[in-house]
Amino acid sequence: MGICFLNKFYYICGMNKRSTHYGDVAKWIEKVINSCETYQQTHSARRLVRNFEKQLMRTTPDKYWRDYKYDVIWPLENKLTNKRQSFINKSE
């Protein structure tokens, strides 16, 4: 079964037929972040990043701290933070 999440605007279950390689999942999460149109939607994207991070830590703890945290998770968190900040700036 793919990664699915529900928010009041989207029901996304897009990884069903795609690769589950961490790089493909990270690209998909980036697309989800880019598609957020409201600040509230970024909450679901945040949960998606956190769940992905937990999955990486659980499956490959050594490689997570050596590679994934800095090369995969931090860039996603940065992109999400920038997206959230853009919504905050628009509302001011």
C-alpha atoms as a PDB file:
ATOM      1  CA  MET A   1       0.000   0.000   0.000  1.00  0.00           C
ATOM      2  CA  GLY A   2       1.228   3.493  -0.764  1.00  0.00           C
ATOM      3  CA  ILE A   3       1.652   6.493   1.445  1.00  0.00           C
ATOM      4  CA  CYS A   4      -1.703   8.232   1.849  1.00  0.00           C
ATOM      5  CA  PHE A   5      -2.805  11.244   3.790  1.00  0.00           C
ATOM      6  CA  LEU A   6      -6.005  13.141   4.037  1.00  0.00           C
ATOM      7  CA  ASN A   7      -6.464  16.832   4.465  1.00  0.00           C
ATOM      8  CA  LYS A   8      -9.504  18.883   3.697  1.00  0.00           C
ATOM      9  CA  PHE A   9      -8.276  19.699   0.183  1.00  0.00           C
ATOM     10  CA  TYR A  10      -6.351  16.619  -0.914  1.00  0.00           C
ATOM     11  CA  TYR A  11      -6.449  12.899  -0.680  1.00  0.00           C
ATOM     12  CA  ILE A  12      -3.064  11.821  -1.899  1.00  0.00           C
ATOM     13  CA  CYS A  13      -2.172   8.224  -2.451  1.00  0.00           C
ATOM     14  CA  GLY A  14       0.383   8.671  -5.169  1.00  0.00           C
ATOM     15  CA  MET A  15       3.154   6.241  -4.344  1.00  0.00           C
ATOM     16  CA  ASN A  16       1.125   3.073  -5.016  1.00  0.00           C
ATOM     17  CA  LYS A  17       2.587   2.386  -8.451  1.00  0.00           C
ATOM     18  CA  ARG A  18       5.908   4.163  -8.082  1.00  0.00           C
ATOM     19  CA  SER A  19       9.247   3.186  -6.672  1.00  0.00           C
ATOM     20  CA  THR A  20       9.637   3.128  -2.910  1.00  0.00           C
ATOM     21  CA  HIS A  21      13.311   4.118  -3.198  1.00  0.00           C
ATOM     22  CA  TYR A  22      14.036   6.894  -0.701  1.00  0.00           C
ATOM     23  CA  GLY A  23      15.068   9.304  -3.483  1.00  0.00           C
ATOM     24  CA  ASP A  24      11.780   8.817  -5.330  1.00  0.00           C
ATOM     25  CA  VAL A  25       9.815   9.256  -2.110  1.00  0.00           C
ATOM     26  CA  ALA A  26      11.748  12.456  -1.333  1.00  0.00           C
ATOM     27  CA  LYS A  27      10.955  13.833  -4.802  1.00  0.00           C
ATOM     28  CA  TRP A  28       7.283  13.007  -4.313  1.00  0.00           C
ATOM     29  CA  ILE A  29       7.249  14.759  -0.921  1.00  0.00           C
ATOM     30  CA  GLU A  30       8.886  17.785  -2.548  1.00  0.00           C
ATOM     31  CA  LYS A  31       6.065  17.844  -5.108  1.00  0.00           C
ATOM     32  CA  VAL A  32       3.522  17.697  -2.282  1.00  0.00           C
ATOM     33  CA  ILE A  33       5.237  20.649  -0.572  1.00  0.00           C
ATOM     34  CA  ASN A  34       5.276  22.622  -3.819  1.00  0.00           C
ATOM     35  CA  SER A  35       1.579  21.926  -4.358  1.00  0.00           C
ATOM     36  CA  CYS A  36       0.515  23.353  -0.988  1.00  0.00           C
ATOM     37  CA  GLU A  37      -1.771  26.317  -1.588  1.00  0.00           C
ATOM     38  CA  THR A  38      -2.570  27.220   2.022  1.00  0.00           C
ATOM     39  CA  TYR A  39      -0.708  27.295   5.306  1.00  0.00           C
ATOM     40  CA  GLN A  40      -2.985  24.559   6.662  1.00  0.00           C
ATOM     41  CA  GLN A  41      -1.907  22.205   3.882  1.00  0.00           C
ATOM     42  CA  THR A  42       1.692  22.540   5.040  1.00  0.00           C
ATOM     43  CA  HIS A  43       0.690  20.780   8.274  1.00  0.00           C
ATOM     44  CA  SER A  44      -0.026  17.618   6.296  1.00  0.00           C
ATOM     45  CA  ALA A  45       3.240  18.028   4.406  1.00  0.00           C
ATOM     46  CA  ARG A  46       5.049  18.384   7.757  1.00  0.00           C
ATOM     47  CA  ARG A  47       3.536  15.086   8.932  1.00  0.00           C
ATOM     48  CA  LEU A  48       4.610  13.480   5.666  1.00  0.00           C
ATOM     49  CA  VAL A  49       8.225  14.631   6.173  1.00  0.00           C
ATOM     50  CA  ARG A  50       8.208  13.446   9.797  1.00  0.00           C
ATOM     51  CA  ASN A  51       6.798  10.021   8.890  1.00  0.00           C
ATOM     52  CA  PHE A  52       9.377   9.645   6.130  1.00  0.00           C
ATOM     53  CA  GLU A  53      12.127  10.610   8.569  1.00  0.00           C
ATOM     54  CA  LYS A  54      10.919   8.036  11.104  1.00  0.00           C
ATOM     55  CA  GLN A  55      10.817   5.367   8.405  1.00  0.00           C
ATOM     56  CA  LEU A  56      14.403   6.119   7.365  1.00  0.00           C
ATOM     57  CA  MET A  57      15.595   6.070  10.992  1.00  0.00           C
ATOM     58  CA  ARG A  58      13.819   2.779  11.656  1.00  0.00           C
ATOM     59  CA  THR A  59      15.026   0.953   8.542  1.00  0.00           C
ATOM     60  CA  THR A  60      18.622   2.218   8.283  1.00  0.00           C
ATOM     61  CA  PRO A  61      19.704   3.986  11.502  1.00  0.00           C
ATOM     62  CA  ASP A  62      23.435   4.155  10.683  1.00  0.00           C
ATOM     63  CA  LYS A  63      22.944   5.444   7.156  1.00  0.00           C
ATOM     64  CA  TYR A  64      20.257   7.840   8.377  1.00  0.00           C
ATOM     65  CA  TRP A  65      22.701   9.811  10.537  1.00  0.00           C
ATOM     66  CA  ARG A  66      25.510   9.549   8.006  1.00  0.00           C
ATOM     67  CA  ASP A  67      23.595  10.494   4.857  1.00  0.00           C
ATOM     68  CA  TYR A  68      19.837  10.861   4.993  1.00  0.00           C
ATOM     69  CA  LYS A  69      19.460  13.479   7.730  1.00  0.00           C
ATOM     70  CA  TYR A  70      21.655  16.002   5.937  1.00  0.00           C
ATOM     71  CA  ASP A  71      21.098  15.105   2.287  1.00  0.00           C
ATOM     72  CA  VAL A  72      17.394  14.227   2.294  1.00  0.00           C
ATOM     73  CA  ILE A  73      15.490  15.361   5.391  1.00  0.00           C
ATOM     74  CA  TRP A  74      17.052  18.797   5.958  1.00  0.00           C
ATOM     75  CA  PRO A  75      16.449  19.955   2.365  1.00  0.00           C
ATOM     76  CA  LEU A  76      12.794  18.858   2.639  1.00  0.00           C
ATOM     77  CA  GLU A  77      12.416  20.656   5.964  1.00  0.00           C
ATOM     78  CA  ASN A  78      14.040  23.765   4.471  1.00  0.00           C
ATOM     79  CA  LYS A  79      11.690  23.733   1.499  1.00  0.00           C
ATOM     80  CA  LEU A  80       8.714  23.318   3.816  1.00  0.00           C
ATOM     81  CA  THR A  81       9.883  26.148   6.089  1.00  0.00           C
ATOM     82  CA  ASN A  82      10.299  28.443   3.087  1.00  0.00           C
ATOM     83  CA  LYS A  83       6.824  27.526   1.832  1.00  0.00           C
ATOM     84  CA  ARG A  84       5.302  28.250   5.233  1.00  0.00           C
ATOM     85  CA  GLN A  85       7.156  31.547   5.454  1.00  0.00           C
ATOM     86  CA  SER A  86       5.819  32.582   2.050  1.00  0.00           C
ATOM     87  CA  PHE A  87       2.254  32.112   3.346  1.00  0.00           C
ATOM     88  CA  ILE A  88       3.037  34.129   6.453  1.00  0.00           C
ATOM     89  CA  ASN A  89       4.533  36.926   4.349  1.00  0.00           C
ATOM     90  CA  LYS A  90       1.460  36.995   2.083  1.00  0.00           C
ATOM     91  CA  SER A  91      -0.853  37.433   5.041  1.00  0.00           C
ATOM     92  CA  GLU A  92       1.051  40.430   6.435  1.00  0.00           C
END
